[in-house]
Amino acid sequence: MEEAVAVVDEQIAAARGADELPFEGAYSVTLLGEPGVALVTWLFLEGRLYGYDSRGALYDGTYRAEQSAIQCEMEVTSPFAELWLEPGSRSIQTRILLGKGWDGRRPFALRLGGVTLQCSALKIRNF
């Protein structure tokens, strides 16, 4: 099934005349690390990244498709004094490169401050 989806994605990209795959959509992401577990929803729409998680954090940023990867820059804001935040701060800026297969539950790392979280994602909706 995954191979069929990849073939369709390549056909869509070819029809658009682009080298990049259609990344826009909604993703379910699981974060696991020192602060615990968080269930995240990320929305990729027209170069913008939005999201929220089960611990109350908000994700806001931009993304750029580069061949078969996505370069993201985002601000993560939390209402709580999370381990990954500087004392007195409620947000942090981070960058992440999402490589090929990241949205098929292949693990990737998200670094927030001094904490590295193990992540996995699954695309749940196309836009």
Protein backbone atom coordinates (compact mmCIF):
# COMPACT_ATOMS: atom_id res chain seq x y z
CA MET A 1 0.00 0.00 0.00
CA GLU A 2 2.81 2.43 0.89
CA GLU A 3 4.46 1.78 -2.49
CA ALA A 4 1.20 2.60 -4.27
CA VAL A 5 0.91 5.88 -2.34
CA ALA A 6 4.52 6.77 -3.22
CA VAL A 7 3.84 6.10 -6.91
CA VAL A 8 0.73 8.31 -6.82
CA ASP A 9 2.70 11.07 -5.05
CA GLU A 10 5.38 10.91 -7.76
CA GLN A 11 2.71 11.06 -10.48
CA ILE A 12 1.11 14.11 -8.84
CA ALA A 13 4.51 15.82 -8.55
CA ALA A 14 5.24 15.07 -12.24
CA ALA A 15 1.84 16.44 -13.27
CA ARG A 16 2.58 19.65 -11.36
CA GLY A 17 5.96 19.86 -13.07
CA ALA A 18 7.73 19.94 -9.70
CA ASP A 19 10.52 17.89 -8.16
CA GLU A 20 8.93 18.07 -4.73
CA LEU A 21 6.23 15.82 -3.36
CA PRO A 22 2.91 17.28 -2.18
CA PHE A 23 3.58 17.75 1.53
CA GLU A 24 0.54 19.86 2.37
CA GLY A 25 -1.82 18.22 4.81
CA ALA A 26 -2.44 17.28 8.43
CA TYR A 27 -0.06 15.02 10.34
CA SER A 28 -0.36 13.10 13.58
CA VAL A 29 2.99 13.21 15.40
CA THR A 30 4.11 11.40 18.54
CA LEU A 31 6.93 12.95 20.60
CA LEU A 32 8.79 10.87 23.18
CA GLY A 33 11.62 12.08 25.39
CA GLU A 34 12.75 13.35 28.78
CA PRO A 35 9.69 15.58 29.30
CA GLY A 36 7.39 12.59 28.60
CA VAL A 37 5.02 11.89 25.72
CA ALA A 38 3.05 14.37 23.63
CA LEU A 39 0.56 13.77 20.84
CA VAL A 40 0.87 16.50 18.22
CA THR A 41 -1.12 17.67 15.22
CA TRP A 42 0.85 19.56 12.57
CA LEU A 43 -0.79 21.33 9.63
CA PHE A 44 1.34 22.12 6.56
CA LEU A 45 -0.46 24.66 4.38
CA GLU A 46 0.96 27.01 1.72
CA GLY A 47 4.41 27.26 3.28
CA ARG A 48 3.11 27.68 6.84
CA LEU A 49 3.32 25.16 9.67
CA TYR A 50 0.76 25.25 12.48
CA GLY A 51 0.18 22.81 15.29
CA TYR A 52 -0.71 21.99 18.86
CA ASP A 53 -0.09 19.11 21.22
CA SER A 54 -1.62 17.26 24.14
CA ARG A 55 0.59 19.13 26.63
CA GLY A 56 -0.70 22.53 25.52
CA ALA A 57 2.20 23.58 23.30
CA LEU A 58 1.59 25.54 20.10
CA TYR A 59 3.70 25.22 16.95
CA ASP A 60 3.99 28.09 14.46
CA GLY A 61 6.43 28.43 11.61
CA THR A 62 7.27 28.02 7.97
CA TYR A 63 8.41 25.19 5.76
CA ARG A 64 10.08 24.83 2.39
CA ALA A 65 10.08 21.66 0.29
CA GLU A 66 13.54 20.71 -0.95
CA GLN A 67 13.41 17.73 -3.33
CA SER A 68 12.20 14.88 -1.10
CA ALA A 69 12.66 16.68 2.23
CA ILE A 70 11.07 19.54 4.13
CA GLN A 71 13.10 22.30 5.82
CA CYS A 72 11.08 23.69 8.77
CA GLU A 73 11.64 26.65 11.03
CA MET A 74 9.21 26.89 13.93
CA GLU A 75 8.51 28.49 17.26
CA VAL A 76 7.21 26.17 19.96
CA THR A 77 5.28 27.92 22.75
CA SER A 78 4.25 26.14 25.94
CA PRO A 79 2.08 27.36 28.82
CA PHE A 80 4.24 25.31 31.19
CA ALA A 81 7.86 25.53 32.33
CA GLU A 82 9.00 22.61 30.18
CA LEU A 83 12.48 21.10 30.56
CA TRP A 84 13.44 22.29 27.09
CA LEU A 85 12.67 25.96 27.82
CA GLU A 86 15.12 28.49 29.20
CA PRO A 87 14.12 29.66 32.73
CA GLY A 88 11.52 32.42 32.45
CA SER A 89 10.79 31.65 28.79
CA ARG A 90 7.62 30.23 27.27
CA SER A 91 8.85 29.62 23.71
CA ILE A 92 11.82 28.40 21.71
CA GLN A 93 12.87 28.65 18.06
CA THR A 94 13.97 25.46 16.31
CA ARG A 95 14.81 24.11 12.87
CA ILE A 96 14.16 20.63 11.62
CA LEU A 97 14.86 18.78 8.38
CA LEU A 98 12.23 16.15 7.63
CA GLY A 99 13.78 13.63 5.24
CA LYS A 100 12.31 11.07 2.91
CA GLY A 101 9.80 8.76 4.58
CA TRP A 102 9.39 10.91 7.70
CA ASP A 103 5.58 10.84 7.36
CA GLY A 104 5.37 7.05 7.30
CA ARG A 105 6.19 6.50 10.97
CA ARG A 106 9.96 6.46 10.30
CA PRO A 107 11.56 7.90 13.47
CA PHE A 108 13.18 11.33 13.38
CA ALA A 109 14.60 13.66 16.04
CA LEU A 110 13.32 17.05 17.15
CA ARG A 111 15.75 19.11 19.23
CA LEU A 112 14.19 21.64 21.59
CA GLY A 113 16.81 23.49 23.59
CA GLY A 114 18.94 20.87 25.31
CA VAL A 115 16.38 18.08 24.90
CA THR A 116 16.15 15.72 21.92
CA LEU A 117 12.76 14.11 21.34
CA GLN A 118 12.20 10.95 19.34
CA CYS A 119 9.32 11.51 16.92
CA SER A 120 7.21 9.62 14.45
CA ALA A 121 4.54 11.03 12.14
CA LEU A 122 1.73 9.87 9.93
CA LYS A 123 -0.10 11.92 7.34
CA ILE A 124 -3.79 11.82 8.21
CA ARG A 125 -5.28 14.30 5.72
CA ASN A 126 -4.44 15.84 2.35
CA PHE A 127 -5.33 19.45 1.57
